[in-house]
C-alpha atoms as a PDB file:
ATOM      1  CA  MET A   1       0.000   0.000   0.000  1.00  0.00           C
ATOM      2  CA  ARG A   2       1.288   3.458  -0.799  1.00  0.00           C
ATOM      3  CA  ASN A   3       2.524   5.820   1.868  1.00  0.00           C
ATOM      4  CA  TYR A   4      -0.855   6.828   3.277  1.00  0.00           C
ATOM      5  CA  ARG A   5      -2.163   6.973   6.831  1.00  0.00           C
ATOM      6  CA  LEU A   6      -5.714   6.849   8.119  1.00  0.00           C
ATOM      7  CA  ARG A   7      -6.696   9.840  10.200  1.00  0.00           C
ATOM      8  CA  GLY A   8     -10.138  10.478  11.612  1.00  0.00           C
ATOM      9  CA  GLY A   9     -11.648   7.973   9.197  1.00  0.00           C
ATOM     10  CA  LEU A  10      -9.974   9.576   6.168  1.00  0.00           C
ATOM     11  CA  CYS A  11      -6.708   8.648   4.529  1.00  0.00           C
ATOM     12  CA  TYR A  12      -3.989  11.213   3.815  1.00  0.00           C
ATOM     13  CA  LYS A  13      -0.540  10.904   2.325  1.00  0.00           C
ATOM     14  CA  VAL A  14       2.101  10.993   5.037  1.00  0.00           C
ATOM     15  CA  GLY A  15       4.043  14.239   4.930  1.00  0.00           C
ATOM     16  CA  HIS A  16       1.647  15.932   2.509  1.00  0.00           C
ATOM     17  CA  ASP A  17       0.921  19.486   3.639  1.00  0.00           C
ATOM     18  CA  LEU A  18      -2.806  20.019   3.382  1.00  0.00           C
ATOM     19  CA  ARG A  19      -2.227  23.748   3.826  1.00  0.00           C
ATOM     20  CA  THR A  20      -0.602  24.165   0.421  1.00  0.00           C
ATOM     21  CA  ARG A  21      -2.565  26.146  -2.142  1.00  0.00           C
ATOM     22  CA  ARG A  22      -5.287  26.690   0.429  1.00  0.00           C
ATOM     23  CA  THR A  23      -8.296  28.679  -0.639  1.00  0.00           C
ATOM     24  CA  PRO A  24     -10.943  30.172   1.671  1.00  0.00           C
ATOM     25  CA  PHE A  25     -13.549  27.682   2.801  1.00  0.00           C
ATOM     26  CA  LEU A  26     -15.960  28.412   5.619  1.00  0.00           C
ATOM     27  CA  ALA A  27     -16.728  25.529   7.961  1.00  0.00           C
ATOM     28  CA  PRO A  28     -18.972  25.760  11.005  1.00  0.00           C
ATOM     29  CA  ARG A  29     -17.137  27.371  13.921  1.00  0.00           C
ATOM     30  CA  ARG A  30     -18.864  25.566  16.809  1.00  0.00           C
ATOM     31  CA  GLY A  31     -19.674  21.929  17.537  1.00  0.00           C
ATOM     32  CA  PHE A  32     -17.276  20.866  14.817  1.00  0.00           C
ATOM     33  CA  GLY A  33     -14.943  17.982  15.748  1.00  0.00           C
ATOM     34  CA  ARG A  34     -11.774  16.793  14.083  1.00  0.00           C
ATOM     35  CA  VAL A  35     -13.545  14.365  11.764  1.00  0.00           C
ATOM     36  CA  GLY A  36     -15.876  17.159  10.637  1.00  0.00           C
ATOM     37  CA  VAL A  37     -12.930  19.409   9.891  1.00  0.00           C
ATOM     38  CA  GLU A  38     -11.360  16.680   7.760  1.00  0.00           C
ATOM     39  CA  LEU A  39     -14.630  16.123   5.922  1.00  0.00           C
ATOM     40  CA  PHE A  40     -14.811  19.788   4.973  1.00  0.00           C
ATOM     41  CA  GLU A  41     -11.135  19.664   4.010  1.00  0.00           C
ATOM     42  CA  ALA A  42     -11.845  16.766   1.630  1.00  0.00           C
ATOM     43  CA  ILE A  43     -14.774  18.699   0.139  1.00  0.00           C
ATOM     44  CA  ARG A  44     -12.587  21.752  -0.336  1.00  0.00           C
ATOM     45  CA  ARG A  45      -9.837  19.714  -1.976  1.00  0.00           C
ATOM     46  CA  ARG A  46     -12.156  17.971  -4.434  1.00  0.00           C
ATOM     47  CA  ARG A  47     -10.886  18.516  -7.968  1.00  0.00           C
ATOM     48  CA  THR A  48     -11.119  17.162 -11.476  1.00  0.00           C
ATOM     49  CA  THR A  49      -7.732  15.903 -12.639  1.00  0.00           C
ATOM     50  CA  ASN A  50      -7.210  16.981 -16.244  1.00  0.00           C
ATOM     51  CA  GLY A  51      -3.597  15.821 -16.472  1.00  0.00           C
ATOM     52  CA  PRO A  52      -1.869  12.437 -16.319  1.00  0.00           C
ATOM     53  CA  PHE A  53      -1.758  10.187 -13.283  1.00  0.00           C
ATOM     54  CA  LEU A  54       1.213   8.431 -11.793  1.00  0.00           C
ATOM     55  CA  PRO A  55       1.749   4.982 -13.374  1.00  0.00           C
ATOM     56  CA  ASP A  56       1.306   3.184 -10.021  1.00  0.00           C
ATOM     57  CA  PRO A  57      -1.598   0.716  -9.924  1.00  0.00           C
ATOM     58  CA  VAL A  58      -4.426   1.694  -7.627  1.00  0.00           C
ATOM     59  CA  SER A  59      -4.140  -0.617  -4.627  1.00  0.00           C
ATOM     60  CA  PRO A  60      -6.898  -3.175  -3.998  1.00  0.00           C
ATOM     61  CA  GLU A  61      -7.519  -1.493  -0.630  1.00  0.00           C
ATOM     62  CA  HIS A  62      -8.158   1.851  -2.275  1.00  0.00           C
ATOM     63  CA  GLN A  63     -10.296   0.354  -5.032  1.00  0.00           C
ATOM     64  CA  ARG A  64     -12.476  -1.250  -2.391  1.00  0.00           C
ATOM     65  CA  ALA A  65     -12.592   1.970  -0.372  1.00  0.00           C
ATOM     66  CA  LEU A  66     -13.862   3.865  -3.433  1.00  0.00           C
ATOM     67  CA  VAL A  67     -16.751   1.526  -4.238  1.00  0.00           C
ATOM     68  CA  GLU A  68     -17.644   1.083  -0.556  1.00  0.00           C
ATOM     69  CA  ALA A  69     -17.863   4.869  -0.255  1.00  0.00           C
ATOM     70  CA  ALA A  70     -20.137   4.885  -3.314  1.00  0.00           C
ATOM     71  CA  GLY A  71     -22.359   2.244  -1.768  1.00  0.00           C
ATOM     72  CA  MET A  72     -22.895   4.367   1.346  1.00  0.00           C
ATOM     73  CA  ALA A  73     -24.797   7.010  -0.641  1.00  0.00           C
ATOM     74  CA  PRO A  74     -28.500   7.617   0.022  1.00  0.00           C
ATOM     75  CA  SER A  75     -31.096   6.247  -2.377  1.00  0.00           C
ATOM     76  CA  HIS A  76     -34.884   6.230  -2.698  1.00  0.00           C
ATOM     77  CA  PHE A  77     -36.341   3.536  -0.411  1.00  0.00           C
ATOM     78  CA  ASN A  78     -32.785   2.182  -0.113  1.00  0.00           C
ATOM     79  CA  SER A  79     -33.100   0.952  -3.706  1.00  0.00           C
ATOM     80  CA  GLN A  80     -29.329   1.322  -4.331  1.00  0.00           C
ATOM     81  CA  PRO A  81     -29.805   1.403  -8.135  1.00  0.00           C
ATOM     82  CA  TRP A  82     -26.111   1.910  -8.928  1.00  0.00           C
ATOM     83  CA  ARG A  83     -23.732  -0.691 -10.302  1.00  0.00           C
ATOM     84  CA  PHE A  84     -19.992  -0.226 -10.881  1.00  0.00           C
ATOM     85  CA  VAL A  85     -17.386  -1.872 -13.060  1.00  0.00           C
ATOM     86  CA  LEU A  86     -13.752  -1.506 -11.978  1.00  0.00           C
ATOM     87  CA  VAL A  87     -11.523  -1.749 -15.042  1.00  0.00           C
ATOM     88  CA  ASP A  88      -7.818  -2.407 -14.514  1.00  0.00           C
ATOM     89  CA  ASP A  89      -7.285  -4.715 -17.495  1.00  0.00           C
ATOM     90  CA  ARG A  90      -4.685  -3.002 -19.668  1.00  0.00           C
ATOM     91  CA  GLU A  91      -6.209  -4.064 -23.009  1.00  0.00           C
ATOM     92  CA  LYS A  92      -9.649  -2.773 -22.024  1.00  0.00           C
ATOM     93  CA  ILE A  93      -8.214   0.537 -20.833  1.00  0.00           C
ATOM     94  CA  GLU A  94      -6.341   0.912 -24.130  1.00  0.00           C
ATOM     95  CA  GLU A  95      -9.537   0.248 -26.092  1.00  0.00           C
ATOM     96  CA  VAL A  96     -11.535   2.755 -24.033  1.00  0.00           C
ATOM     97  CA  ALA A  97      -8.729   5.235 -24.696  1.00  0.00           C
ATOM     98  CA  ARG A  98      -8.921   4.620 -28.464  1.00  0.00           C
ATOM     99  CA  ILE A  99     -12.678   5.144 -28.436  1.00  0.00           C
ATOM    100  CA  SER A 100     -12.309   8.321 -26.374  1.00  0.00           C
ATOM    101  CA  GLY A 101      -9.593   9.761 -28.615  1.00  0.00           C
ATOM    102  CA  GLU A 102     -11.553   9.007 -31.785  1.00  0.00           C
ATOM    103  CA  SER A 103     -14.644  10.605 -30.260  1.00  0.00           C
ATOM    104  CA  MET A 104     -12.778  13.777 -29.310  1.00  0.00           C
ATOM    105  CA  THR A 105     -11.330  14.081 -32.800  1.00  0.00           C
ATOM    106  CA  ARG A 106     -14.757  13.727 -34.383  1.00  0.00           C
ATOM    107  CA  VAL A 107     -16.466  16.170 -32.011  1.00  0.00           C
ATOM    108  CA  PHE A 108     -13.839  18.840 -32.734  1.00  0.00           C
ATOM    109  CA  GLU A 109     -13.730  18.191 -36.498  1.00  0.00           C
ATOM    110  CA  GLU A 110     -17.501  18.535 -36.802  1.00  0.00           C
ATOM    111  CA  GLY A 111     -17.573  21.646 -34.601  1.00  0.00           C
ATOM    112  CA  THR A 112     -19.991  19.980 -32.191  1.00  0.00           C
ATOM    113  CA  PHE A 113     -17.892  20.841 -29.168  1.00  0.00           C
ATOM    114  CA  PHE A 114     -17.824  24.572 -29.794  1.00  0.00           C
ATOM    115  CA  ARG A 115     -21.496  24.774 -30.793  1.00  0.00           C
ATOM    116  CA  ARG A 116     -22.666  22.806 -27.788  1.00  0.00           C
ATOM    117  CA  TYR A 117     -20.501  24.363 -25.097  1.00  0.00           C
ATOM    118  CA  ARG A 118     -20.013  27.980 -26.172  1.00  0.00           C
ATOM    119  CA  PRO A 119     -22.318  29.307 -23.386  1.00  0.00           C
ATOM    120  CA  TYR A 120     -19.998  27.928 -20.716  1.00  0.00           C
ATOM    121  CA  PHE A 121     -16.791  29.707 -21.769  1.00  0.00           C
ATOM    122  CA  ARG A 122     -15.539  33.019 -20.388  1.00  0.00           C
ATOM    123  CA  PHE A 123     -12.881  35.062 -22.190  1.00  0.00           C
ATOM    124  CA  SER A 124     -11.534  37.379 -19.491  1.00  0.00           C
ATOM    125  CA  GLU A 125     -10.778  37.359 -15.799  1.00  0.00           C
ATOM    126  CA  GLU A 126     -13.259  40.218 -15.373  1.00  0.00           C
ATOM    127  CA  GLU A 127     -16.068  38.177 -16.899  1.00  0.00           C
ATOM    128  CA  MET A 128     -15.114  35.168 -14.801  1.00  0.00           C
ATOM    129  CA  GLU A 129     -15.073  37.229 -11.609  1.00  0.00           C
ATOM    130  CA  ARG A 130     -18.411  38.853 -12.398  1.00  0.00           C
ATOM    131  CA  ARG A 131     -20.278  35.687 -13.307  1.00  0.00           C
ATOM    132  CA  ARG A 132     -18.338  33.224 -11.155  1.00  0.00           C
ATOM    133  CA  ASP A 133     -19.344  30.237 -13.240  1.00  0.00           C
ATOM    134  CA  GLY A 134     -18.295  28.491 -16.434  1.00  0.00           C
ATOM    135  CA  ILE A 135     -14.782  27.899 -17.735  1.00  0.00           C
ATOM    136  CA  TYR A 136     -12.097  30.528 -18.188  1.00  0.00           C
ATOM    137  CA  PHE A 137     -10.704  30.095 -21.705  1.00  0.00           C
ATOM    138  CA  ASP A 138      -7.170  30.869 -20.537  1.00  0.00           C
ATOM    139  CA  GLN A 139      -5.160  28.099 -22.182  1.00  0.00           C
ATOM    140  CA  LEU A 140      -5.093  26.806 -25.734  1.00  0.00           C
ATOM    141  CA  PRO A 141      -2.701  24.732 -27.813  1.00  0.00           C
ATOM    142  CA  LYS A 142      -0.042  27.116 -29.130  1.00  0.00           C
ATOM    143  CA  ILE A 143      -1.276  27.109 -32.727  1.00  0.00           C
ATOM    144  CA  LEU A 144      -4.752  28.224 -31.609  1.00  0.00           C
ATOM    145  CA  ARG A 145      -3.796  31.006 -29.205  1.00  0.00           C
ATOM    146  CA  PRO A 146      -4.099  33.813 -31.790  1.00  0.00           C
ATOM    147  CA  PHE A 147      -7.696  32.710 -32.441  1.00  0.00           C
ATOM    148  CA  SER A 148      -8.999  32.355 -28.879  1.00  0.00           C
ATOM    149  CA  ARG A 149     -12.036  34.602 -29.370  1.00  0.00           C
ATOM    150  CA  GLN A 150     -12.719  33.374 -32.899  1.00  0.00           C
ATOM    151  CA  VAL A 151     -12.387  29.687 -32.073  1.00  0.00           C
ATOM    152  CA  PHE A 152     -16.180  29.318 -31.921  1.00  0.00           C
ATOM    153  CA  SER A 153     -16.718  30.745 -35.423  1.00  0.00           C
ATOM    154  CA  GLY A 154     -17.157  28.804 -38.649  1.00  0.00           C
ATOM    155  CA  THR A 155     -14.039  30.413 -40.149  1.00  0.00           C
ATOM    156  CA  ALA A 156     -11.897  29.277 -37.243  1.00  0.00           C
ATOM    157  CA  GLN A 157     -13.393  25.788 -37.480  1.00  0.00           C
ATOM    158  CA  GLY A 158     -12.064  25.431 -41.014  1.00  0.00           C
ATOM    159  CA  LEU A 159      -8.626  26.595 -39.921  1.00  0.00           C
ATOM    160  CA  ILE A 160      -8.639  24.229 -36.957  1.00  0.00           C
ATOM    161  CA  ASN A 161      -9.362  21.289 -39.251  1.00  0.00           C
ATOM    162  CA  ARG A 162      -6.743  22.312 -41.832  1.00  0.00           C
ATOM    163  CA  LEU A 163      -4.108  22.509 -39.117  1.00  0.00           C
ATOM    164  CA  GLY A 164      -5.005  19.031 -37.919  1.00  0.00           C
ATOM    165  CA  VAL A 165      -5.869  20.248 -34.424  1.00  0.00           C
ATOM    166  CA  PRO A 166      -8.729  17.741 -33.831  1.00  0.00           C
ATOM    167  CA  LYS A 167      -6.409  14.801 -34.536  1.00  0.00           C
ATOM    168  CA  THR A 168      -3.752  16.242 -32.229  1.00  0.00           C
ATOM    169  CA  LEU A 169      -6.265  16.766 -29.441  1.00  0.00           C
ATOM    170  CA  GLY A 170      -7.751  13.309 -29.970  1.00  0.00           C
ATOM    171  CA  GLU A 171      -4.336  11.690 -29.719  1.00  0.00           C
ATOM    172  CA  ASP A 172      -3.575  13.658 -26.549  1.00  0.00           C
ATOM    173  CA  ASN A 173      -6.861  12.462 -25.095  1.00  0.00           C
ATOM    174  CA  ARG A 174      -6.122   8.851 -26.066  1.00  0.00           C
ATOM    175  CA  LYS A 175      -2.758   8.990 -24.298  1.00  0.00           C
ATOM    176  CA  LEU A 176      -4.329  10.564 -21.220  1.00  0.00           C
ATOM    177  CA  VAL A 177      -6.968   7.853 -20.841  1.00  0.00           C
ATOM    178  CA  ALA A 178      -4.530   5.072 -21.761  1.00  0.00           C
ATOM    179  CA  GLY A 179      -2.181   6.243 -19.017  1.00  0.00           C
ATOM    180  CA  SER A 180      -4.848   5.783 -16.356  1.00  0.00           C
ATOM    181  CA  PRO A 181      -4.321   2.771 -14.078  1.00  0.00           C
ATOM    182  CA  LEU A 182      -8.028   2.426 -13.292  1.00  0.00           C
ATOM    183  CA  LEU A 183     -11.366   3.135 -14.937  1.00  0.00           C
ATOM    184  CA  LEU A 184     -14.721   3.157 -13.193  1.00  0.00           C
ATOM    185  CA  ALA A 185     -17.910   2.564 -15.163  1.00  0.00           C
ATOM    186  CA  VAL A 186     -21.139   3.721 -13.501  1.00  0.00           C
ATOM    187  CA  LEU A 187     -24.405   2.009 -14.399  1.00  0.00           C
ATOM    188  CA  LEU A 188     -28.010   2.090 -13.245  1.00  0.00           C
ATOM    189  CA  ASP A 189     -30.506  -0.724 -12.849  1.00  0.00           C
ATOM    190  CA  LYS A 190     -33.215  -0.158 -15.458  1.00  0.00           C
ATOM    191  CA  ALA A 191     -35.827  -1.457 -13.020  1.00  0.00           C
ATOM    192  CA  GLU A 192     -35.249   1.846 -11.190  1.00  0.00           C
ATOM    193  CA  TYR A 193     -33.887   4.037 -13.975  1.00  0.00           C
ATOM    194  CA  ARG A 194     -37.033   4.806 -15.967  1.00  0.00           C
ATOM    195  CA  PRO A 195     -36.590   8.204 -17.675  1.00  0.00           C
ATOM    196  CA  GLY A 196     -39.715  10.320 -17.579  1.00  0.00           C
ATOM    197  CA  GLU A 197     -40.885   8.762 -14.308  1.00  0.00           C
ATOM    198  CA  LEU A 198     -40.125   9.801 -10.755  1.00  0.00           C
ATOM    199  CA  SER A 199     -38.064   6.653 -10.262  1.00  0.00           C
ATOM    200  CA  GLY A 200     -35.802   7.856 -13.065  1.00  0.00           C
ATOM    201  CA  PHE A 201     -35.131  11.090 -11.214  1.00  0.00           C
ATOM    202  CA  TYR A 202     -34.639   9.298  -7.904  1.00  0.00           C
ATOM    203  CA  SER A 203     -32.134   6.854  -9.381  1.00  0.00           C
ATOM    204  CA  VAL A 204     -30.086   9.616 -11.059  1.00  0.00           C
ATOM    205  CA  PHE A 205     -30.183  11.615  -7.831  1.00  0.00           C
ATOM    206  CA  GLY A 206     -28.848   8.621  -5.904  1.00  0.00           C
ATOM    207  CA  MET A 207     -26.199   7.950  -8.535  1.00  0.00           C
ATOM    208  CA  GLY A 208     -25.005  11.543  -8.231  1.00  0.00           C
ATOM    209  CA  ALA A 209     -24.627  11.119  -4.474  1.00  0.00           C
ATOM    210  CA  ALA A 210     -22.700   7.867  -4.981  1.00  0.00           C
ATOM    211  CA  VAL A 211     -20.322   9.428  -7.510  1.00  0.00           C
ATOM    212  CA  GLU A 212     -19.731  12.433  -5.246  1.00  0.00           C
ATOM    213  CA  ASN A 213     -18.747  10.012  -2.489  1.00  0.00           C
ATOM    214  CA  VAL A 214     -16.204   8.489  -4.864  1.00  0.00           C
ATOM    215  CA  TRP A 215     -14.947  11.951  -5.807  1.00  0.00           C
ATOM    216  CA  LEU A 216     -14.449  12.944  -2.175  1.00  0.00           C
ATOM    217  CA  ALA A 217     -12.768   9.632  -1.441  1.00  0.00           C
ATOM    218  CA  THR A 218     -10.213  10.299  -4.190  1.00  0.00           C
ATOM    219  CA  ALA A 219      -9.363  13.597  -2.500  1.00  0.00           C
ATOM    220  CA  ALA A 220      -8.840  11.797   0.802  1.00  0.00           C
ATOM    221  CA  LEU A 221      -6.723   9.043  -0.798  1.00  0.00           C
ATOM    222  CA  GLY A 222      -4.350  11.313  -2.715  1.00  0.00           C
ATOM    223  CA  MET A 223      -5.963  10.310  -5.995  1.00  0.00           C
ATOM    224  CA  GLY A 224      -7.478  12.126  -8.948  1.00  0.00           C
ATOM    225  CA  ILE A 225     -10.538  11.491 -11.094  1.00  0.00           C
ATOM    226  CA  GLN A 226     -11.873  12.705 -14.435  1.00  0.00           C
ATOM    227  CA  PHE A 227     -15.018  12.016 -16.458  1.00  0.00           C
ATOM    228  CA  VAL A 228     -14.251  10.270 -19.773  1.00  0.00           C
ATOM    229  CA  SER A 229     -16.972  12.231 -21.518  1.00  0.00           C
ATOM    230  CA  PHE A 230     -16.216  12.332 -25.233  1.00  0.00           C
ATOM    231  CA  PRO A 231     -17.588   8.865 -26.138  1.00  0.00           C
ATOM    232  CA  MET A 232     -20.973  10.059 -24.869  1.00  0.00           C
ATOM    233  CA  GLU A 233     -20.916  12.740 -27.578  1.00  0.00           C
ATOM    234  CA  VAL A 234     -20.901  10.047 -30.299  1.00  0.00           C
ATOM    235  CA  PRO A 235     -23.751   7.539 -29.770  1.00  0.00           C
ATOM    236  CA  GLU A 236     -22.184   4.712 -31.782  1.00  0.00           C
ATOM    237  CA  ASN A 237     -18.977   5.039 -29.796  1.00  0.00           C
ATOM    238  CA  TRP A 238     -20.911   4.912 -26.527  1.00  0.00           C
ATOM    239  CA  LYS A 239     -22.409   1.663 -27.824  1.00  0.00           C
ATOM    240  CA  ARG A 240     -18.866   0.370 -28.397  1.00  0.00           C
ATOM    241  CA  LEU A 241     -18.122   0.993 -24.716  1.00  0.00           C
ATOM    242  CA  GLN A 242     -21.281  -0.836 -23.703  1.00  0.00           C
ATOM    243  CA  ASP A 243     -20.217  -3.840 -25.789  1.00  0.00           C
ATOM    244  CA  LEU A 244     -16.657  -3.716 -24.459  1.00  0.00           C
ATOM    245  CA  LEU A 245     -17.939  -3.817 -20.871  1.00  0.00           C
ATOM    246  CA  ALA A 246     -20.553  -6.487 -21.667  1.00  0.00           C
ATOM    247  CA  VAL A 247     -23.362  -4.336 -20.267  1.00  0.00           C
ATOM    248  CA  PRO A 248     -26.501  -6.505 -19.998  1.00  0.00           C
ATOM    249  CA  ASP A 249     -29.922  -5.380 -21.165  1.00  0.00           C
ATOM    250  CA  ASP A 250     -31.159  -4.673 -17.639  1.00  0.00           C
ATOM    251  CA  LEU A 251     -28.436  -2.085 -16.940  1.00  0.00           C
ATOM    252  CA  GLU A 252     -27.820   1.377 -18.421  1.00  0.00           C
ATOM    253  CA  LEU A 253     -24.247   2.622 -18.801  1.00  0.00           C
ATOM    254  CA  MET A 254     -24.301   6.177 -17.426  1.00  0.00           C
ATOM    255  CA  ALA A 255     -20.682   7.326 -17.159  1.00  0.00           C
ATOM    256  CA  VAL A 256     -17.038   6.267 -17.254  1.00  0.00           C
ATOM    257  CA  TYR A 257     -14.299   7.840 -15.123  1.00  0.00           C
ATOM    258  CA  ARG A 258     -10.539   7.495 -15.134  1.00  0.00           C
ATOM    259  CA  LEU A 259      -8.736   7.382 -11.805  1.00  0.00           C
ATOM    260  CA  GLY A 260      -5.214   7.188 -10.440  1.00  0.00           C
ATOM    261  CA  TYR A 261      -2.761   8.659  -7.986  1.00  0.00           C
ATOM    262  CA  ALA A 262      -2.214  12.338  -8.665  1.00  0.00           C
ATOM    263  CA  PRO A 263       1.320  13.769  -8.926  1.00  0.00           C
ATOM    264  CA  GLU A 264       1.877  16.579  -6.451  1.00  0.00           C
ATOM    265  CA  ASP A 265       3.553  18.970  -8.907  1.00  0.00           C
ATOM    266  CA  ALA A 266       1.785  18.268 -12.175  1.00  0.00           C
ATOM    267  CA  ARG A 267       2.088  20.612 -15.149  1.00  0.00           C
ATOM    268  CA  ARG A 268      -1.110  21.855 -16.738  1.00  0.00           C
ATOM    269  CA  PRO A 269      -2.033  19.762 -19.770  1.00  0.00           C
ATOM    270  CA  THR A 270      -2.696  21.310 -23.193  1.00  0.00           C
ATOM    271  CA  ILE A 271      -6.439  21.282 -22.630  1.00  0.00           C
ATOM    272  CA  ASP A 272      -7.075  22.456 -19.077  1.00  0.00           C
ATOM    273  CA  TRP A 273      -9.317  25.483 -18.899  1.00  0.00           C
ATOM    274  CA  SER A 274      -9.628  27.102 -15.502  1.00  0.00           C
ATOM    275  CA  SER A 275     -12.825  26.969 -13.447  1.00  0.00           C
ATOM    276  CA  ARG A 276     -11.597  28.281 -10.130  1.00  0.00           C
ATOM    277  CA  GLN A 277     -14.583  30.468  -9.278  1.00  0.00           C
ATOM    278  CA  ARG A 278     -17.689  29.494  -7.351  1.00  0.00           C
ATOM    279  CA  LYS A 279     -20.790  31.636  -7.126  1.00  0.00           C
ATOM    280  CA  ARG A 280     -21.232  33.805  -4.060  1.00  0.00           C
ATOM    281  CA  LEU A 281     -24.032  32.837  -1.706  1.00  0.00           C
ATOM    282  CA  PRO A 282     -26.481  35.563  -2.859  1.00  0.00           C
ATOM    283  CA  GLN A 283     -26.168  34.202  -6.412  1.00  0.00           C
ATOM    284  CA  TYR A 284     -27.497  30.759  -5.539  1.00  0.00           C
ATOM    285  CA  VAL A 285     -28.950  30.765  -1.991  1.00  0.00           C
ATOM    286  CA  PHE A 286     -32.212  32.423  -0.895  1.00  0.00           C
ATOM    287  CA  ARG A 287     -33.905  32.903   2.486  1.00  0.00           C
ATOM    288  CA  ASN A 288     -37.532  31.804   2.980  1.00  0.00           C
ATOM    289  CA  SER A 289     -38.434  32.513  -0.663  1.00  0.00           C
ATOM    290  CA  CYS A 290     -36.731  32.950  -4.004  1.00  0.00           C
ATOM    291  CA  ALA A 291     -37.303  36.704  -3.683  1.00  0.00           C
ATOM    292  CA  VAL A 292     -34.745  37.148  -0.883  1.00  0.00           C
ATOM    293  CA  PRO A 293     -31.087  36.361  -1.692  1.00  0.00           C
ATOM    294  CA  GLU A 294     -29.044  35.144   1.242  1.00  0.00           C
ATOM    295  CA  HIS A 295     -26.720  37.771   2.734  1.00  0.00           C
ATOM    296  CA  ASP A 296     -23.025  36.944   2.346  1.00  0.00           C
ATOM    297  CA  ASP A 297     -21.242  37.914   5.559  1.00  0.00           C
ATOM    298  CA  ALA A 298     -18.014  36.255   4.469  1.00  0.00           C
ATOM    299  CA  GLY A 299     -17.284  38.607   1.597  1.00  0.00           C
ATOM    300  CA  ALA A 300     -16.263  38.026  -1.991  1.00  0.00           C
ATOM    301  CA  GLU A 301     -13.391  35.631  -1.406  1.00  0.00           C
ATOM    302  CA  ALA A 302     -15.396  32.801   0.129  1.00  0.00           C
ATOM    303  CA  GLY A 303     -16.658  31.679  -3.259  1.00  0.00           C
ATOM    304  CA  THR A 304     -13.219  30.816  -4.607  1.00  0.00           C
ATOM    305  CA  ASN A 305     -12.453  27.125  -4.807  1.00  0.00           C
ATOM    306  CA  GLY A 306      -9.063  26.824  -6.465  1.00  0.00           C
ATOM    307  CA  ARG A 307      -8.373  25.863 -10.069  1.00  0.00           C
ATOM    308  CA  GLY A 308     -10.131  22.904 -11.542  1.00  0.00           C
ATOM    309  CA  ARG A 309     -13.682  21.654 -11.835  1.00  0.00           C
END
């Protein structure tokens, strides 16, 4: 097992300074024991890892801890509709990586990515600070940097394709997924997951709680996690993943994540747009009715949550 120590029910890397790169996070000041402090620390440290992982295999103990944490999530009538597939077979990971890379290439070549996600991008620090949501478009592959504001236009799309950018990005994505020591597929039992019915909402709600438990557990274990999202953008490629994982008819494949141990001093990858801001309380919390925004006593800085989704 790697150099980790359990503390207050959570596991931290020995010698790792949890105070590094600290950002403001308000925890309750009274009636708040050590375990509670560590819980809020894990929440604060939750990140999406956009770069590569260390090559070390994820230990069996940590794999079990992740899925046990998922299984502790709440669910409607204790239905526990989630199912998980742990993938550490190298050939399967390589095939998922190929499918992901091909999907990313296609989505960028066809312009689907920019059309679909344009509303989420911000082009200045001022806009990011004012809105406090979305993704700050602060980093691009070198050949695209002169076209940052035009990258969502049809003219730029033609240039992007002529320069072979989609293939480059797709290959980068393939390498990123292929370098992951562990994948986690998340599925739902179709007996509970019935879209359009309340049970469909309840099962997705429970799945979200289960995945958040996994996400927080990675923070406590010194690991990282990222959604392998691009195959979902191409329906036939999502079907390839279903076949690869031998998903039976009574289960629905909902998501695939890549996981691994996170390097402490990782460089930002080529595609890693910043999302460090979080909305201030009055922007998303109300008191007694939607007409009264919650007052924010903590000031502007409390909404900052570091870089990364």
